[in-house]
Amino acid sequence: MVPRARKITRVGMAIVFLCLGDGGSLPAQAHHPARSGQMAREKVIIDTDIGDDIDDAFALALAVSSPKLQVLGVTTAWGDTEMRARLARRFLIQIGHGGIPVAMGPKTHDTMNFTQERWAEAWPAPAGGFPDAIDFMRDLIRRNPGEITLIAIAPYSNVAALLQRDPTEFHELRRIVLMGGSIHRGYGDLGYLASHGPDAEYNIAQDIPAAQALFDAGVPIAMMPLDSTQLKLDEVLRSILFSRDTPVTDALNSLYAEWSYAMQNPTPTLFDAMAVAAAIRPGLCPTRPMRIVVDSKGYTRVAAGPANAEVCVRSDSDRFFHFYIPAILKEARH
């Protein structure tokens, strides 16, 4: 989801993560104890503002490619949510996952550049329109109490709307894994120079009341801030990823081309993909408990008191891409 300076530059709670290898796992979640006979595949909903920055598409591609996740649905948030839903629907169909339903959240004012609009416009909306995202999420949670992880990679308008409409069902979420916030590092700080400090990150700053409501809600949160998500898909990595001709890489390449042309920027930053990767393999982004407070300007401040989130403030970009690219290409590493 200044960019998401990501788009500006364009360029607690204890919590359960399934321990899916590569080392680390997060502390056990107190909110919903593990159920006996629980399926190995984690049930997830992806809440996305796909279509502005390009990282949402790369995150969605990883989610549906992973045998560790069962994507129950995709909901679109912020701005022109119908156009985003058209894009998500076309993307899922073209990569062979057309059975995953898409629902649209309430439209909002958005000043960002919808860089992939032409690709989205080529796919019509369903005759009856897209389902309401809030009712869609509420119904899924009701049918799967304590089992669903919401991966939130957009401003949290849909999340707050769900909390307001049905607090009981909202608290039946297993956890929320989100990309958002900034603890020590802001946009463009990759750790090579002296830090300029945190920034008001896009997903938080676009809807501050929604972010405040989320962190006050008492649902287990795993937070991937700017500190750990500025993952640059550089020229070498792009050539490796796009060297394979698959439905997924073809769709990603088309969306990447539209984004790159619109932004006059060749190098995407895969902020959102880390949230999905951490849901699959927690060791890629080890967390520690913190109490996060969202201030009136959209900064995520670490405060005294009981933790309300597990926060990843450091990741290894090389390690992430050694996981991401084989996962997309479905190639085993030896």
Protein backbone atom coordinates (compact mmCIF):
# COMPACT_ATOMS: atom_id res chain seq x y z
CA MET A 1 0.00 0.00 0.00
CA VAL A 2 4.27 10.48 0.92
CA PRO A 3 4.71 6.80 -1.29
CA ARG A 4 3.38 4.23 -0.17
CA ALA A 5 6.71 6.49 -0.07
CA ARG A 6 6.64 3.06 -0.88
CA LYS A 7 4.14 4.82 -2.94
CA ILE A 8 5.55 8.19 -2.17
CA THR A 9 8.76 7.21 -3.72
CA ARG A 10 6.63 4.65 -5.41
CA VAL A 11 9.74 3.55 -5.98
CA GLY A 12 0.72 -8.27 23.64
CA MET A 13 -0.23 -10.43 22.86
CA ALA A 14 1.21 -13.73 22.10
CA ILE A 15 0.70 -15.06 18.61
CA VAL A 16 0.76 -18.37 16.80
CA PHE A 17 2.49 -18.79 13.54
CA LEU A 18 2.66 -22.26 12.10
CA CYS A 19 6.23 -23.40 12.42
CA LEU A 20 6.91 -24.11 8.79
CA GLY A 21 10.62 -24.61 8.75
CA ASP A 22 13.59 -22.32 8.21
CA GLY A 23 14.10 -21.94 11.90
CA GLY A 24 12.01 -19.60 13.91
CA SER A 25 8.45 -19.60 14.99
CA LEU A 26 6.51 -17.00 16.91
CA PRO A 27 5.31 -17.44 20.47
CA ALA A 28 2.21 -19.49 21.00
CA GLN A 29 -1.00 -17.53 20.53
CA ALA A 30 -3.26 -17.19 23.54
CA HIS A 31 -6.35 -15.97 21.68
CA HIS A 32 -7.28 -19.21 19.94
CA PRO A 33 -5.57 -22.39 21.10
CA ALA A 34 -4.52 -24.84 18.46
CA ARG A 35 -7.25 -27.25 17.55
CA SER A 36 -6.57 -30.95 17.35
CA GLY A 37 -6.46 -32.23 13.80
CA GLN A 38 -5.85 -28.74 12.43
CA MET A 39 -5.06 -28.78 8.72
CA ALA A 40 -1.48 -28.06 7.73
CA ARG A 41 -2.62 -25.41 5.26
CA GLU A 42 -3.29 -22.11 6.98
CA LYS A 43 -6.55 -20.47 5.95
CA VAL A 44 -6.00 -16.86 4.86
CA ILE A 45 -7.81 -13.85 3.45
CA ILE A 46 -5.71 -11.34 1.51
CA ASP A 47 -6.83 -7.72 1.97
CA THR A 48 -5.09 -5.68 -0.73
CA ASP A 49 -4.96 -2.35 -2.55
CA ILE A 50 -3.56 -4.01 -5.66
CA GLY A 51 -3.07 -1.75 -8.66
CA ASP A 52 -1.11 1.25 -7.37
CA ASP A 53 2.27 -0.06 -6.29
CA ILE A 54 3.33 -3.39 -7.79
CA ASP A 55 4.21 -5.24 -4.60
CA ASP A 56 0.61 -6.35 -3.95
CA ALA A 57 0.67 -8.47 -7.11
CA PHE A 58 3.96 -10.09 -6.09
CA ALA A 59 2.51 -10.77 -2.62
CA LEU A 60 -0.69 -12.31 -4.02
CA ALA A 61 1.33 -14.48 -6.39
CA LEU A 62 3.31 -15.86 -3.46
CA ALA A 63 0.20 -16.53 -1.38
CA VAL A 64 -1.56 -18.58 -4.04
CA SER A 65 1.66 -20.37 -5.01
CA SER A 66 2.35 -21.64 -1.51
CA PRO A 67 1.23 -25.13 -0.50
CA LYS A 68 1.28 -23.86 3.09
CA LEU A 69 -1.62 -21.43 2.57
CA GLN A 70 -5.25 -21.90 1.61
CA VAL A 71 -6.40 -18.56 0.20
CA LEU A 72 -10.12 -18.39 0.97
CA GLY A 73 -10.60 -15.06 -0.75
CA VAL A 74 -9.17 -11.71 -1.78
CA THR A 75 -10.72 -8.44 -0.64
CA THR A 76 -9.84 -5.06 -2.13
CA ALA A 77 -9.44 -1.95 -0.01
CA TRP A 78 -8.93 1.78 -0.47
CA GLY A 79 -9.53 3.99 -3.48
CA ASP A 80 -11.29 2.48 -6.50
CA THR A 81 -11.95 -0.90 -4.93
CA GLU A 82 -14.02 -2.10 -7.90
CA MET A 83 -11.15 -1.53 -10.32
CA ARG A 84 -8.82 -3.24 -7.89
CA ALA A 85 -11.22 -6.18 -7.72
CA ARG A 86 -11.27 -6.40 -11.52
CA LEU A 87 -7.49 -6.49 -11.54
CA ALA A 88 -7.32 -9.12 -8.80
CA ARG A 89 -9.95 -11.25 -10.54
CA ARG A 90 -8.14 -11.14 -13.89
CA PHE A 91 -4.82 -11.90 -12.20
CA LEU A 92 -6.18 -14.93 -10.35
CA ILE A 93 -7.84 -16.34 -13.46
CA GLN A 94 -4.76 -15.89 -15.62
CA ILE A 95 -2.50 -17.63 -13.12
CA GLY A 96 -4.84 -20.59 -12.73
CA HIS A 97 -6.56 -19.69 -9.45
CA GLY A 98 -9.89 -18.44 -10.76
CA GLY A 99 -11.74 -20.39 -8.07
CA ILE A 100 -10.61 -17.93 -5.40
CA PRO A 101 -13.40 -15.39 -4.86
CA VAL A 102 -12.81 -11.63 -4.93
CA ALA A 103 -14.84 -9.10 -2.93
CA MET A 104 -14.62 -5.30 -2.88
CA GLY A 105 -14.58 -3.01 0.13
CA PRO A 106 -16.02 0.50 0.40
CA LYS A 107 -14.55 2.99 -2.06
CA THR A 108 -12.54 5.85 -0.60
CA HIS A 109 -10.81 8.97 -1.85
CA ASP A 110 -7.34 8.10 -3.14
CA THR A 111 -4.74 10.38 -4.71
CA MET A 112 -2.36 7.62 -5.70
CA ASN A 113 -1.62 6.70 -9.31
CA PHE A 114 -3.45 3.50 -10.30
CA THR A 115 -0.49 2.34 -12.34
CA GLN A 116 -2.03 -0.92 -13.59
CA GLU A 117 -5.43 0.48 -14.56
CA ARG A 118 -5.19 -0.45 -18.24
CA TRP A 119 -4.63 -4.09 -17.34
CA ALA A 120 -7.59 -3.97 -14.95
CA GLU A 121 -9.90 -2.22 -17.43
CA ALA A 122 -9.49 -5.09 -19.87
CA TRP A 123 -11.43 -7.33 -17.47
CA PRO A 124 -15.13 -6.61 -16.88
CA ALA A 125 -16.81 -6.64 -13.50
CA PRO A 126 -19.27 -9.50 -12.90
CA ALA A 127 -22.82 -8.83 -14.08
CA GLY A 128 -24.07 -8.68 -10.51
CA GLY A 129 -21.05 -6.81 -9.20
CA PHE A 130 -18.51 -7.99 -6.66
CA PRO A 131 -19.59 -9.13 -3.19
CA ASP A 132 -19.28 -6.74 -0.25
CA ALA A 133 -15.87 -7.38 1.31
CA ILE A 134 -16.97 -6.83 4.89
CA ASP A 135 -19.89 -9.27 4.69
CA PHE A 136 -17.64 -11.68 2.78
CA MET A 137 -14.98 -11.66 5.51
CA ARG A 138 -17.57 -11.90 8.28
CA ASP A 139 -19.18 -14.95 6.66
CA LEU A 140 -15.84 -16.72 6.21
CA ILE A 141 -14.84 -16.05 9.81
CA ARG A 142 -18.22 -17.25 11.08
CA ARG A 143 -17.75 -20.54 9.21
CA ASN A 144 -14.11 -20.91 10.32
CA PRO A 145 -13.93 -19.49 13.87
CA GLY A 146 -10.41 -19.13 15.21
CA GLU A 147 -8.86 -20.49 12.02
CA ILE A 148 -8.41 -17.57 9.61
CA THR A 149 -5.35 -15.36 9.26
CA LEU A 150 -6.07 -11.99 7.69
CA ILE A 151 -3.06 -10.77 5.70
CA ALA A 152 -3.57 -7.00 5.49
CA ILE A 153 -1.43 -5.31 2.84
CA ALA A 154 -3.53 -2.18 2.29
CA PRO A 155 -4.71 0.78 4.36
CA TYR A 156 -6.88 -0.76 7.05
CA SER A 157 -10.26 0.63 5.98
CA ASN A 158 -11.74 -2.84 5.46
CA VAL A 159 -10.25 -4.14 8.71
CA ALA A 160 -11.74 -1.28 10.74
CA ALA A 161 -15.08 -1.64 8.96
CA LEU A 162 -15.22 -5.33 9.89
CA LEU A 163 -14.35 -4.51 13.51
CA GLN A 164 -17.09 -1.88 13.64
CA ARG A 165 -19.75 -3.97 11.90
CA ASP A 166 -19.21 -7.19 13.83
CA PRO A 167 -16.73 -7.05 16.74
CA THR A 168 -17.61 -10.60 17.77
CA GLU A 169 -16.67 -12.12 14.43
CA PHE A 170 -13.61 -9.88 14.17
CA HIS A 171 -12.28 -11.37 17.40
CA GLU A 172 -12.70 -14.84 15.94
CA LEU A 173 -9.77 -14.13 13.60
CA ARG A 174 -6.81 -16.32 14.37
CA ARG A 175 -4.39 -13.44 13.79
CA ILE A 176 -3.65 -10.50 11.52
CA VAL A 177 -0.37 -10.34 9.62
CA LEU A 178 0.15 -6.85 8.26
CA MET A 179 2.57 -4.78 6.29
CA GLY A 180 2.63 -1.37 7.88
CA GLY A 181 4.37 1.08 10.14
CA SER A 182 7.91 2.25 10.70
CA ILE A 183 9.84 1.67 13.94
CA HIS A 184 13.44 2.80 13.44
CA ARG A 185 13.86 3.11 9.66
CA GLY A 186 11.84 5.14 7.20
CA TYR A 187 11.48 5.06 3.42
CA GLY A 188 14.72 4.62 1.51
CA ASP A 189 16.71 3.59 4.58
CA LEU A 190 18.31 0.28 3.68
CA GLY A 191 20.81 0.35 6.54
CA TYR A 192 23.84 1.54 4.60
CA LEU A 193 23.80 5.14 5.83
CA ALA A 194 22.89 6.86 9.06
CA SER A 195 19.19 6.46 9.73
CA HIS A 196 16.91 9.46 9.22
CA GLY A 197 14.42 7.90 11.61
CA PRO A 198 10.93 6.49 11.09
CA ASP A 199 8.33 7.78 8.66
CA ALA A 200 4.55 7.80 8.65
CA GLU A 201 4.14 4.66 6.54
CA TYR A 202 1.50 4.68 3.80
CA ASN A 203 -0.86 1.94 5.00
CA ILE A 204 -1.02 3.52 8.45
CA ALA A 205 -1.09 7.17 7.41
CA GLN A 206 -3.85 6.86 4.80
CA ASP A 207 -6.44 5.89 7.43
CA ILE A 208 -5.11 6.74 10.88
CA PRO A 209 -8.35 6.06 12.80
CA ALA A 210 -8.56 2.60 11.20
CA ALA A 211 -4.97 1.81 12.19
CA GLN A 212 -5.58 3.04 15.73
CA ALA A 213 -8.68 0.87 16.02
CA LEU A 214 -6.76 -2.15 14.75
CA PHE A 215 -3.93 -1.87 17.28
CA ASP A 216 -6.45 -1.29 20.09
CA ALA A 217 -8.64 -4.25 19.10
CA GLY A 218 -6.93 -7.01 21.07
CA VAL A 219 -6.48 -9.43 18.16
CA PRO A 220 -3.02 -11.04 17.69
CA ILE A 221 -0.98 -8.95 15.25
CA ALA A 222 2.25 -9.70 13.44
CA MET A 223 3.64 -6.47 12.03
CA MET A 224 6.10 -6.13 9.16
CA PRO A 225 7.15 -2.44 9.07
CA LEU A 226 9.40 -0.53 6.69
CA ASP A 227 12.37 -1.68 8.78
CA SER A 228 12.07 -5.21 7.37
CA THR A 229 10.17 -4.89 4.08
CA GLN A 230 12.26 -2.69 1.77
CA LEU A 231 13.18 -5.59 -0.49
CA LYS A 232 14.49 -4.45 -3.86
CA LEU A 233 13.77 -6.68 -6.87
CA ASP A 234 16.80 -5.51 -8.81
CA GLU A 235 17.79 -6.19 -12.42
CA VAL A 236 19.60 -9.44 -11.66
CA LEU A 237 16.71 -10.83 -9.62
CA ARG A 238 14.15 -9.76 -12.23
CA SER A 239 16.08 -11.53 -14.97
CA ILE A 240 16.06 -14.73 -12.92
CA LEU A 241 12.38 -14.50 -12.04
CA PHE A 242 11.22 -13.63 -15.55
CA SER A 243 13.53 -16.16 -17.21
CA ARG A 244 10.78 -18.77 -16.76
CA ASP A 245 7.69 -18.57 -18.93
CA THR A 246 4.81 -19.50 -16.65
CA PRO A 247 1.29 -18.07 -16.19
CA VAL A 248 2.42 -16.46 -12.93
CA THR A 249 5.60 -14.87 -14.29
CA ASP A 250 3.80 -13.74 -17.46
CA ALA A 251 1.09 -11.96 -15.44
CA LEU A 252 3.63 -10.44 -13.05
CA ASN A 253 5.78 -9.27 -15.95
CA SER A 254 2.80 -7.56 -17.62
CA LEU A 255 1.83 -5.75 -14.43
CA TYR A 256 5.46 -4.89 -13.71
CA ALA A 257 5.80 -3.33 -17.18
CA GLU A 258 2.74 -1.11 -16.63
CA TRP A 259 3.93 -0.07 -13.17
CA SER A 260 7.49 0.62 -14.34
CA TYR A 261 6.31 2.73 -17.28
CA ALA A 262 3.87 4.73 -15.14
CA MET A 263 6.40 5.36 -12.39
CA GLN A 264 9.50 5.67 -14.59
CA ASN A 265 11.15 3.30 -12.13
CA PRO A 266 12.70 -0.05 -13.05
CA THR A 267 13.10 -1.46 -9.54
CA PRO A 268 10.11 -2.51 -7.44
CA THR A 269 10.23 -2.80 -3.68
CA LEU A 270 8.35 -5.87 -2.47
CA PHE A 271 7.06 -4.48 0.83
CA ASP A 272 3.86 -6.54 0.91
CA ALA A 273 5.48 -9.79 -0.15
CA MET A 274 7.26 -9.99 3.19
CA ALA A 275 3.95 -10.13 5.06
CA VAL A 276 2.94 -13.17 3.03
CA ALA A 277 6.40 -14.74 3.31
CA ALA A 278 6.38 -14.32 7.10
CA ALA A 279 2.99 -16.01 7.30
CA ILE A 280 4.46 -18.97 5.42
CA ARG A 281 7.93 -19.07 6.99
CA PRO A 282 8.22 -16.98 10.17
CA GLY A 283 12.00 -17.36 10.33
CA LEU A 284 12.34 -15.00 7.38
CA CYS A 285 11.24 -12.12 9.61
CA PRO A 286 11.78 -12.91 13.32
CA THR A 287 9.60 -10.82 15.61
CA ARG A 288 9.65 -9.51 19.13
CA PRO A 289 6.77 -8.26 21.27
CA MET A 290 6.11 -4.52 21.40
CA ARG A 291 3.34 -2.17 22.36
CA ILE A 292 2.53 -0.12 19.27
CA VAL A 293 0.59 3.14 19.44
CA VAL A 294 -0.45 5.01 16.29
CA ASP A 295 -0.19 8.77 16.82
CA SER A 296 -2.25 11.52 15.21
CA LYS A 297 0.21 11.90 12.32
CA GLY A 298 0.35 8.22 11.42
CA TYR A 299 3.61 7.30 13.12
CA THR A 300 3.82 3.94 14.86
CA ARG A 301 5.38 4.60 18.25
CA VAL A 302 6.74 1.99 20.62
CA ALA A 303 5.16 2.60 24.01
CA ALA A 304 5.40 1.24 27.52
CA GLY A 305 2.91 -1.37 28.57
CA PRO A 306 1.72 -4.83 27.55
CA ALA A 307 2.62 -5.86 24.02
CA ASN A 308 -0.13 -5.70 21.40
CA ALA A 309 1.93 -6.86 18.42
CA GLU A 310 4.82 -9.05 17.37
CA VAL A 311 7.08 -6.82 15.27
CA CYS A 312 9.84 -7.70 12.81
CA VAL A 313 12.43 -4.93 12.68
CA ARG A 314 15.13 -6.71 10.69
CA SER A 315 15.21 -9.13 7.77
CA ASP A 316 17.74 -10.49 5.32
CA SER A 317 16.91 -9.46 1.76
CA ASP A 318 19.08 -12.14 0.18
CA ARG A 319 17.48 -14.83 2.29
CA PHE A 320 14.03 -13.53 1.39
CA PHE A 321 14.65 -13.71 -2.36
CA HIS A 322 16.21 -17.15 -2.06
CA PHE A 323 12.84 -18.15 -0.65
CA TYR A 324 10.60 -16.04 -2.88
CA ILE A 325 11.89 -16.79 -6.37
CA PRO A 326 11.94 -20.62 -6.09
CA ALA A 327 8.49 -20.46 -4.46
CA ILE A 328 7.07 -18.54 -7.42
CA LEU A 329 8.84 -20.72 -9.95
CA LYS A 330 8.02 -23.85 -7.94
CA GLU A 331 11.60 -25.04 -8.16
CA ALA A 332 13.11 -27.10 -5.34
CA ARG A 333 16.41 -25.83 -4.01
CA HIS A 334 19.17 -28.32 -3.31
